[in-house]
Amino acid sequence: MAKKSIIARDAKRIKMIEKYAEKRAEMKAAGDYEGLAGLPRNSSPSRHNNRCSESGRSRSYMRQFGLSRIAFREHASRGEIPGVTKSSW
């Protein structure tokens, strides 16, 4: 489980990205790179990390399922993810 503070920090980044998205797009279109530099750093979409919806883990995130590999394996083993079965041969 990721620290609650890190999960909260990432949620704060998401809000800030949404808040400044329109302003950022206008400045990019106008070519105002000095103005872009004046915006808060966390308003840049590239600073957002994908996180597991259960554990908050940022590494080994599977975009298709919104889970980390560990949470994905647990759900798949229990048969809770449709169309996913454990391979055996």
PDB file of N, CA and C in Angstrom:
ATOM      1  N   MET A   1       0.846  -1.183   0.000  1.00  0.00           N
ATOM      2  CA  MET A   1       0.000   0.000   0.000  1.00  0.00           C
ATOM      3  C   MET A   1       0.886   1.239   0.000  1.00  0.00           C
ATOM      4  N   ALA A   2       0.599   2.125  -0.922  1.00  0.00           N
ATOM      5  CA  ALA A   2       1.340   3.382  -0.992  1.00  0.00           C
ATOM      6  C   ALA A   2       0.936   4.281   0.174  1.00  0.00           C
ATOM      7  N   LYS A   3       1.811   5.204   0.511  1.00  0.00           N
ATOM      8  CA  LYS A   3       1.497   6.141   1.583  1.00  0.00           C
ATOM      9  C   LYS A   3       0.268   6.955   1.203  1.00  0.00           C
ATOM     10  N   LYS A   4      -0.552   7.245   2.191  1.00  0.00           N
ATOM     11  CA  LYS A   4      -1.762   8.039   1.947  1.00  0.00           C
ATOM     12  C   LYS A   4      -1.401   9.430   1.434  1.00  0.00           C
ATOM     13  N   SER A   5      -0.279   9.957   1.912  1.00  0.00           N
ATOM     14  CA  SER A   5       0.115  11.306   1.496  1.00  0.00           C
ATOM     15  C   SER A   5       0.472  11.346   0.010  1.00  0.00           C
ATOM     16  N   ILE A   6       1.081  10.271  -0.491  1.00  0.00           N
ATOM     17  CA  ILE A   6       1.451  10.225  -1.905  1.00  0.00           C
ATOM     18  C   ILE A   6       0.205  10.086  -2.772  1.00  0.00           C
ATOM     19  N   ILE A   7      -0.749   9.288  -2.318  1.00  0.00           N
ATOM     20  CA  ILE A   7      -2.016   9.132  -3.048  1.00  0.00           C
ATOM     21  C   ILE A   7      -2.757  10.472  -3.077  1.00  0.00           C
ATOM     22  N   ALA A   8      -2.770  11.166  -1.936  1.00  0.00           N
ATOM     23  CA  ALA A   8      -3.432  12.472  -1.857  1.00  0.00           C
ATOM     24  C   ALA A   8      -2.731  13.496  -2.744  1.00  0.00           C
ATOM     25  N   ARG A   9      -1.400  13.454  -2.781  1.00  0.00           N
ATOM     26  CA  ARG A   9      -0.631  14.381  -3.612  1.00  0.00           C
ATOM     27  C   ARG A   9      -0.951  14.178  -5.085  1.00  0.00           C
ATOM     28  N   ASP A  10      -1.099  12.913  -5.491  1.00  0.00           N
ATOM     29  CA  ASP A  10      -1.415  12.636  -6.891  1.00  0.00           C
ATOM     30  C   ASP A  10      -2.843  13.075  -7.222  1.00  0.00           C
ATOM     31  N   ALA A  11      -3.753  12.916  -6.276  1.00  0.00           N
ATOM     32  CA  ALA A  11      -5.131  13.376  -6.492  1.00  0.00           C
ATOM     33  C   ALA A  11      -5.162  14.900  -6.639  1.00  0.00           C
ATOM     34  N   LYS A  12      -4.328  15.582  -5.864  1.00  0.00           N
ATOM     35  CA  LYS A  12      -4.228  17.040  -5.943  1.00  0.00           C
ATOM     36  C   LYS A  12      -3.693  17.453  -7.317  1.00  0.00           C
ATOM     37  N   ARG A  13      -2.723  16.692  -7.835  1.00  0.00           N
ATOM     38  CA  ARG A  13      -2.177  16.966  -9.163  1.00  0.00           C
ATOM     39  C   ARG A  13      -3.260  16.833 -10.234  1.00  0.00           C
ATOM     40  N   ILE A  14      -4.085  15.799 -10.120  1.00  0.00           N
ATOM     41  CA  ILE A  14      -5.152  15.571 -11.108  1.00  0.00           C
ATOM     42  C   ILE A  14      -6.100  16.762 -11.139  1.00  0.00           C
ATOM     43  N   LYS A  15      -6.469  17.274  -9.959  1.00  0.00           N
ATOM     44  CA  LYS A  15      -7.354  18.443  -9.893  1.00  0.00           C
ATOM     45  C   LYS A  15      -6.701  19.662 -10.540  1.00  0.00           C
ATOM     46  N   MET A  16      -5.410  19.838 -10.277  1.00  0.00           N
ATOM     47  CA  MET A  16      -4.703  20.992 -10.822  1.00  0.00           C
ATOM     48  C   MET A  16      -4.558  20.886 -12.337  1.00  0.00           C
ATOM     49  N   ILE A  17      -4.350  19.676 -12.839  1.00  0.00           N
ATOM     50  CA  ILE A  17      -4.248  19.456 -14.290  1.00  0.00           C
ATOM     51  C   ILE A  17      -5.561  19.852 -14.958  1.00  0.00           C
ATOM     52  N   GLU A  18      -6.682  19.433 -14.366  1.00  0.00           N
ATOM     53  CA  GLU A  18      -7.995  19.767 -14.915  1.00  0.00           C
ATOM     54  C   GLU A  18      -8.264  21.276 -14.845  1.00  0.00           C
ATOM     55  N   LYS A  19      -7.826  21.896 -13.769  1.00  0.00           N
ATOM     56  CA  LYS A  19      -8.064  23.332 -13.569  1.00  0.00           C
ATOM     57  C   LYS A  19      -7.343  24.173 -14.624  1.00  0.00           C
ATOM     58  N   TYR A  20      -6.100  23.825 -14.939  1.00  0.00           N
ATOM     59  CA  TYR A  20      -5.284  24.624 -15.848  1.00  0.00           C
ATOM     60  C   TYR A  20      -5.255  24.101 -17.277  1.00  0.00           C
ATOM     61  N   ALA A  21      -6.007  23.058 -17.594  1.00  0.00           N
ATOM     62  CA  ALA A  21      -5.945  22.441 -18.920  1.00  0.00           C
ATOM     63  C   ALA A  21      -6.280  23.437 -20.031  1.00  0.00           C
ATOM     64  N   GLU A  22      -7.351  24.186 -19.871  1.00  0.00           N
ATOM     65  CA  GLU A  22      -7.785  25.123 -20.908  1.00  0.00           C
ATOM     66  C   GLU A  22      -6.772  26.259 -21.088  1.00  0.00           C
ATOM     67  N   LYS A  23      -6.324  26.809 -19.979  1.00  0.00           N
ATOM     68  CA  LYS A  23      -5.352  27.898 -20.017  1.00  0.00           C
ATOM     69  C   LYS A  23      -4.045  27.430 -20.661  1.00  0.00           C
ATOM     70  N   ARG A  24      -3.624  26.228 -20.317  1.00  0.00           N
ATOM     71  CA  ARG A  24      -2.397  25.640 -20.851  1.00  0.00           C
ATOM     72  C   ARG A  24      -2.518  25.441 -22.369  1.00  0.00           C
ATOM     73  N   ALA A  25      -3.681  24.971 -22.823  1.00  0.00           N
ATOM     74  CA  ALA A  25      -3.896  24.745 -24.255  1.00  0.00           C
ATOM     75  C   ALA A  25      -3.855  26.062 -25.030  1.00  0.00           C
ATOM     76  N   GLU A  26      -4.455  27.106 -24.472  1.00  0.00           N
ATOM     77  CA  GLU A  26      -4.436  28.426 -25.121  1.00  0.00           C
ATOM     78  C   GLU A  26      -3.014  28.955 -25.251  1.00  0.00           C
ATOM     79  N   MET A  27      -2.233  28.833 -24.179  1.00  0.00           N
ATOM     80  CA  MET A  27      -0.855  29.321 -24.199  1.00  0.00           C
ATOM     81  C   MET A  27       0.011  28.538 -25.183  1.00  0.00           C
ATOM     82  N   LYS A  28      -0.218  27.239 -25.266  1.00  0.00           N
ATOM     83  CA  LYS A  28       0.544  26.415 -26.209  1.00  0.00           C
ATOM     84  C   LYS A  28       0.220  26.815 -27.645  1.00  0.00           C
ATOM     85  N   ALA A  29      -1.068  27.028 -27.915  1.00  0.00           N
ATOM     86  CA  ALA A  29      -1.493  27.413 -29.267  1.00  0.00           C
ATOM     87  C   ALA A  29      -0.908  28.770 -29.661  1.00  0.00           C
ATOM     88  N   ALA A  30      -0.825  29.680 -28.695  1.00  0.00           N
ATOM     89  CA  ALA A  30      -0.290  31.009 -28.967  1.00  0.00           C
ATOM     90  C   ALA A  30       1.241  31.019 -28.992  1.00  0.00           C
ATOM     91  N   GLY A  31       1.855  29.958 -28.502  1.00  0.00           N
ATOM     92  CA  GLY A  31       3.312  29.886 -28.464  1.00  0.00           C
ATOM     93  C   GLY A  31       3.920  30.674 -27.313  1.00  0.00           C
ATOM     94  N   ASP A  32       3.129  30.904 -26.271  1.00  0.00           N
ATOM     95  CA  ASP A  32       3.588  31.663 -25.103  1.00  0.00           C
ATOM     96  C   ASP A  32       4.257  30.725 -24.101  1.00  0.00           C
ATOM     97  N   TYR A  33       5.529  30.401 -24.369  1.00  0.00           N
ATOM     98  CA  TYR A  33       6.236  29.440 -23.517  1.00  0.00           C
ATOM     99  C   TYR A  33       6.691  30.056 -22.201  1.00  0.00           C
ATOM    100  N   GLU A  34       6.858  31.361 -22.164  1.00  0.00           N
ATOM    101  CA  GLU A  34       7.184  32.028 -20.900  1.00  0.00           C
ATOM    102  C   GLU A  34       5.985  31.980 -19.960  1.00  0.00           C
ATOM    103  N   GLY A  35       4.809  32.159 -20.530  1.00  0.00           N
ATOM    104  CA  GLY A  35       3.591  32.068 -19.730  1.00  0.00           C
ATOM    105  C   GLY A  35       3.370  30.661 -19.208  1.00  0.00           C
ATOM    106  N   LEU A  36       3.686  29.673 -20.047  1.00  0.00           N
ATOM    107  CA  LEU A  36       3.572  28.276 -19.617  1.00  0.00           C
ATOM    108  C   LEU A  36       4.511  27.988 -18.457  1.00  0.00           C
ATOM    109  N   ALA A  37       5.700  28.555 -18.527  1.00  0.00           N
ATOM    110  CA  ALA A  37       6.671  28.347 -17.462  1.00  0.00           C
ATOM    111  C   ALA A  37       6.204  28.976 -16.150  1.00  0.00           C
ATOM    112  N   GLY A  38       5.347  29.967 -16.250  1.00  0.00           N
ATOM    113  CA  GLY A  38       4.830  30.643 -15.063  1.00  0.00           C
ATOM    114  C   GLY A  38       3.718  29.874 -14.363  1.00  0.00           C
ATOM    115  N   LEU A  39       3.122  28.913 -15.048  1.00  0.00           N
ATOM    116  CA  LEU A  39       2.068  28.103 -14.434  1.00  0.00           C
ATOM    117  C   LEU A  39       2.679  27.143 -13.413  1.00  0.00           C
ATOM    118  N   PRO A  40       1.867  26.659 -12.478  1.00  0.00           N
ATOM    119  CA  PRO A  40       2.388  25.713 -11.490  1.00  0.00           C
ATOM    120  C   PRO A  40       2.920  24.434 -12.158  1.00  0.00           C
ATOM    121  N   ARG A  41       3.978  23.892 -11.607  1.00  0.00           N
ATOM    122  CA  ARG A  41       4.571  22.679 -12.181  1.00  0.00           C
ATOM    123  C   ARG A  41       3.591  21.514 -12.204  1.00  0.00           C
ATOM    124  N   ASN A  42       2.827  21.390 -11.137  1.00  0.00           N
ATOM    125  CA  ASN A  42       1.911  20.252 -11.049  1.00  0.00           C
ATOM    126  C   ASN A  42       0.709  20.366 -11.988  1.00  0.00           C
ATOM    127  N   SER A  43       0.607  21.450 -12.727  1.00  0.00           N
ATOM    128  CA  SER A  43      -0.488  21.571 -13.690  1.00  0.00           C
ATOM    129  C   SER A  43      -0.130  20.901 -15.014  1.00  0.00           C
ATOM    130  N   SER A  44       1.099  20.430 -15.139  1.00  0.00           N
ATOM    131  CA  SER A  44       1.526  19.738 -16.352  1.00  0.00           C
ATOM    132  C   SER A  44       1.044  18.281 -16.326  1.00  0.00           C
ATOM    133  N   PRO A  45       0.391  17.830 -17.387  1.00  0.00           N
ATOM    134  CA  PRO A  45      -0.140  16.456 -17.400  1.00  0.00           C
ATOM    135  C   PRO A  45       0.932  15.375 -17.273  1.00  0.00           C
ATOM    136  N   SER A  46       2.163  15.695 -17.640  1.00  0.00           N
ATOM    137  CA  SER A  46       3.212  14.676 -17.575  1.00  0.00           C
ATOM    138  C   SER A  46       3.655  14.383 -16.143  1.00  0.00           C
ATOM    139  N   ARG A  47       3.228  15.188 -15.188  1.00  0.00           N
ATOM    140  CA  ARG A  47       3.605  14.941 -13.788  1.00  0.00           C
ATOM    141  C   ARG A  47       2.639  14.005 -13.077  1.00  0.00           C
ATOM    142  N   HIS A  48       1.575  13.614 -13.749  1.00  0.00           N
ATOM    143  CA  HIS A  48       0.593  12.689 -13.179  1.00  0.00           C
ATOM    144  C   HIS A  48       1.077  11.252 -13.332  1.00  0.00           C
ATOM    145  N   ASN A  49       0.974  10.470 -12.257  1.00  0.00           N
ATOM    146  CA  ASN A  49       1.337   9.054 -12.296  1.00  0.00           C
ATOM    147  C   ASN A  49       0.088   8.199 -12.251  1.00  0.00           C
ATOM    148  N   ASN A  50       0.042   7.175 -13.094  1.00  0.00           N
ATOM    149  CA  ASN A  50      -1.051   6.213 -13.002  1.00  0.00           C
ATOM    150  C   ASN A  50      -0.843   5.394 -11.740  1.00  0.00           C
ATOM    151  N   ARG A  51      -1.929   5.145 -11.007  1.00  0.00           N
ATOM    152  CA  ARG A  51      -1.834   4.392  -9.762  1.00  0.00           C
ATOM    153  C   ARG A  51      -2.918   3.324  -9.701  1.00  0.00           C
ATOM    154  N   CYS A  52      -2.589   2.245  -9.014  1.00  0.00           N
ATOM    155  CA  CYS A  52      -3.542   1.149  -8.792  1.00  0.00           C
ATOM    156  C   CYS A  52      -4.728   1.699  -8.009  1.00  0.00           C
ATOM    157  N   SER A  53      -5.937   1.349  -8.433  1.00  0.00           N
ATOM    158  CA  SER A  53      -7.127   1.868  -7.766  1.00  0.00           C
ATOM    159  C   SER A  53      -7.311   1.269  -6.369  1.00  0.00           C
ATOM    160  N   GLU A  54      -6.702   0.127  -6.104  1.00  0.00           N
ATOM    161  CA  GLU A  54      -6.833  -0.507  -4.791  1.00  0.00           C
ATOM    162  C   GLU A  54      -5.711  -0.121  -3.832  1.00  0.00           C
ATOM    163  N   SER A  55      -4.482  -0.344  -4.275  1.00  0.00           N
ATOM    164  CA  SER A  55      -3.349  -0.189  -3.372  1.00  0.00           C
ATOM    165  C   SER A  55      -2.641   1.151  -3.519  1.00  0.00           C
ATOM    166  N   GLY A  56      -2.837   1.852  -4.621  1.00  0.00           N
ATOM    167  CA  GLY A  56      -2.153   3.107  -4.850  1.00  0.00           C
ATOM    168  C   GLY A  56      -0.748   2.921  -5.395  1.00  0.00           C
ATOM    169  N   ARG A  57      -0.391   1.697  -5.719  1.00  0.00           N
ATOM    170  CA  ARG A  57       0.947   1.389  -6.232  1.00  0.00           C
ATOM    171  C   ARG A  57       1.119   2.007  -7.618  1.00  0.00           C
ATOM    172  N   SER A  58       2.281   2.649  -7.838  1.00  0.00           N
ATOM    173  CA  SER A  58       2.499   3.314  -9.119  1.00  0.00           C
ATOM    174  C   SER A  58       3.277   2.439 -10.092  1.00  0.00           C
ATOM    175  N   ARG A  59       4.089   1.543  -9.587  1.00  0.00           N
ATOM    176  CA  ARG A  59       4.879   0.698 -10.480  1.00  0.00           C
ATOM    177  C   ARG A  59       4.063  -0.493 -10.945  1.00  0.00           C
ATOM    178  N   SER A  60       4.410  -0.994 -12.094  1.00  0.00           N
ATOM    179  CA  SER A  60       3.762  -2.155 -12.728  1.00  0.00           C
ATOM    180  C   SER A  60       2.244  -1.992 -12.779  1.00  0.00           C
ATOM    181  N   TYR A  61       1.813  -0.824 -13.233  1.00  0.00           N
ATOM    182  CA  TYR A  61       0.393  -0.498 -13.381  1.00  0.00           C
ATOM    183  C   TYR A  61      -0.088  -1.023 -14.725  1.00  0.00           C
ATOM    184  N   MET A  62      -1.223  -1.706 -14.737  1.00  0.00           N
ATOM    185  CA  MET A  62      -1.800  -2.225 -15.975  1.00  0.00           C
ATOM    186  C   MET A  62      -2.957  -1.307 -16.357  1.00  0.00           C
ATOM    187  N   ARG A  63      -2.743  -0.527 -17.397  1.00  0.00           N
ATOM    188  CA  ARG A  63      -3.698   0.503 -17.794  1.00  0.00           C
ATOM    189  C   ARG A  63      -5.064  -0.082 -18.155  1.00  0.00           C
ATOM    190  N   GLN A  64      -5.070  -1.224 -18.796  1.00  0.00           N
ATOM    191  CA  GLN A  64      -6.312  -1.835 -19.259  1.00  0.00           C
ATOM    192  C   GLN A  64      -7.256  -2.175 -18.099  1.00  0.00           C
ATOM    193  N   PHE A  65      -6.682  -2.508 -16.944  1.00  0.00           N
ATOM    194  CA  PHE A  65      -7.489  -2.921 -15.805  1.00  0.00           C
ATOM    195  C   PHE A  65      -7.494  -1.901 -14.670  1.00  0.00           C
ATOM    196  N   GLY A  66      -6.575  -0.959 -14.691  1.00  0.00           N
ATOM    197  CA  GLY A  66      -6.504   0.039 -13.632  1.00  0.00           C
ATOM    198  C   GLY A  66      -5.947  -0.510 -12.336  1.00  0.00           C
ATOM    199  N   LEU A  67      -5.196  -1.612 -12.428  1.00  0.00           N
ATOM    200  CA  LEU A  67      -4.655  -2.278 -11.250  1.00  0.00           C
ATOM    201  C   LEU A  67      -3.161  -2.516 -11.408  1.00  0.00           C
ATOM    202  N   SER A  68      -2.486  -2.704 -10.282  1.00  0.00           N
ATOM    203  CA  SER A  68      -1.090  -3.112 -10.338  1.00  0.00           C
ATOM    204  C   SER A  68      -1.048  -4.617 -10.598  1.00  0.00           C
ATOM    205  N   ARG A  69       0.131  -5.125 -10.911  1.00  0.00           N
ATOM    206  CA  ARG A  69       0.259  -6.552 -11.229  1.00  0.00           C
ATOM    207  C   ARG A  69      -0.143  -7.430 -10.045  1.00  0.00           C
ATOM    208  N   ILE A  70       0.107  -6.966  -8.838  1.00  0.00           N
ATOM    209  CA  ILE A  70      -0.203  -7.754  -7.644  1.00  0.00           C
ATOM    210  C   ILE A  70      -1.716  -7.854  -7.454  1.00  0.00           C
ATOM    211  N   ALA A  71      -2.404  -6.713  -7.511  1.00  0.00           N
ATOM    212  CA  ALA A  71      -3.861  -6.699  -7.359  1.00  0.00           C
ATOM    213  C   ALA A  71      -4.519  -7.445  -8.509  1.00  0.00           C
ATOM    214  N   PHE A  72      -3.966  -7.287  -9.719  1.00  0.00           N
ATOM    215  CA  PHE A  72      -4.503  -7.983 -10.886  1.00  0.00           C
ATOM    216  C   PHE A  72      -4.443  -9.490 -10.687  1.00  0.00           C
ATOM    217  N   ARG A  73      -3.300  -9.977 -10.201  1.00  0.00           N
ATOM    218  CA  ARG A  73      -3.118 -11.423 -10.002  1.00  0.00           C
ATOM    219  C   ARG A  73      -4.101 -11.966  -8.968  1.00  0.00           C
ATOM    220  N   GLU A  74      -4.316 -11.212  -7.897  1.00  0.00           N
ATOM    221  CA  GLU A  74      -5.267 -11.640  -6.866  1.00  0.00           C
ATOM    222  C   GLU A  74      -6.675 -11.748  -7.437  1.00  0.00           C
ATOM    223  N   HIS A  75      -7.102 -10.747  -8.185  1.00  0.00           N
ATOM    224  CA  HIS A  75      -8.448 -10.762  -8.770  1.00  0.00           C
ATOM    225  C   HIS A  75      -8.582 -11.864  -9.821  1.00  0.00           C
ATOM    226  N   ALA A  76      -7.543 -12.040 -10.626  1.00  0.00           N
ATOM    227  CA  ALA A  76      -7.591 -13.061 -11.670  1.00  0.00           C
ATOM    228  C   ALA A  76      -7.647 -14.461 -11.055  1.00  0.00           C
ATOM    229  N   SER A  77      -6.927 -14.680  -9.973  1.00  0.00           N
ATOM    230  CA  SER A  77      -6.924 -15.987  -9.310  1.00  0.00           C
ATOM    231  C   SER A  77      -8.292 -16.313  -8.722  1.00  0.00           C
ATOM    232  N   ARG A  78      -8.991 -15.273  -8.261  1.00  0.00           N
ATOM    233  CA  ARG A  78     -10.334 -15.481  -7.704  1.00  0.00           C
ATOM    234  C   ARG A  78     -11.408 -15.533  -8.785  1.00  0.00           C
ATOM    235  N   GLY A  79     -11.025 -15.265 -10.039  1.00  0.00           N
ATOM    236  CA  GLY A  79     -11.989 -15.310 -11.140  1.00  0.00           C
ATOM    237  C   GLY A  79     -12.877 -14.089 -11.204  1.00  0.00           C
ATOM    238  N   GLU A  80     -12.417 -12.961 -10.700  1.00  0.00           N
ATOM    239  CA  GLU A  80     -13.232 -11.745 -10.645  1.00  0.00           C
ATOM    240  C   GLU A  80     -13.062 -10.863 -11.876  1.00  0.00           C
ATOM    241  N   ILE A  81     -12.113 -11.212 -12.753  1.00  0.00           N
ATOM    242  CA  ILE A  81     -11.899 -10.433 -13.976  1.00  0.00           C
ATOM    243  C   ILE A  81     -12.389 -11.264 -15.153  1.00  0.00           C
ATOM    244  N   PRO A  82     -13.442 -10.822 -15.835  1.00  0.00           N
ATOM    245  CA  PRO A  82     -14.011 -11.604 -16.941  1.00  0.00           C
ATOM    246  C   PRO A  82     -13.005 -11.810 -18.068  1.00  0.00           C
ATOM    247  N   GLY A  83     -12.927 -13.030 -18.557  1.00  0.00           N
ATOM    248  CA  GLY A  83     -12.079 -13.357 -19.696  1.00  0.00           C
ATOM    249  C   GLY A  83     -10.641 -13.624 -19.339  1.00  0.00           C
ATOM    250  N   VAL A  84     -10.287 -13.537 -18.075  1.00  0.00           N
ATOM    251  CA  VAL A  84      -8.903 -13.782 -17.648  1.00  0.00           C
ATOM    252  C   VAL A  84      -8.854 -15.063 -16.837  1.00  0.00           C
ATOM    253  N   THR A  85      -8.050 -16.001 -17.281  1.00  0.00           N
ATOM    254  CA  THR A  85      -7.882 -17.241 -16.541  1.00  0.00           C
ATOM    255  C   THR A  85      -6.392 -17.515 -16.351  1.00  0.00           C
ATOM    256  N   LYS A  86      -6.083 -18.224 -15.307  1.00  0.00           N
ATOM    257  CA  LYS A  86      -4.703 -18.592 -15.058  1.00  0.00           C
ATOM    258  C   LYS A  86      -4.305 -19.658 -16.046  1.00  0.00           C
ATOM    259  N   SER A  87      -3.155 -19.474 -16.681  1.00  0.00           N
ATOM    260  CA  SER A  87      -2.724 -20.455 -17.675  1.00  0.00           C
ATOM    261  C   SER A  87      -2.174 -21.694 -16.976  1.00  0.00           C
ATOM    262  N   SER A  88      -2.456 -22.837 -17.537  1.00  0.00           N
ATOM    263  CA  SER A  88      -1.906 -24.083 -17.008  1.00  0.00           C
ATOM    264  C   SER A  88      -1.698 -25.041 -18.178  1.00  0.00           C
ATOM    265  N   TRP A  89      -0.629 -25.784 -18.143  1.00  0.00           N
ATOM    266  CA  TRP A  89      -0.347 -26.750 -19.194  1.00  0.00           C
ATOM    267  C   TRP A  89       0.391 -27.922 -18.661  1.00  0.00           C
TER     268      TRP A  89
END
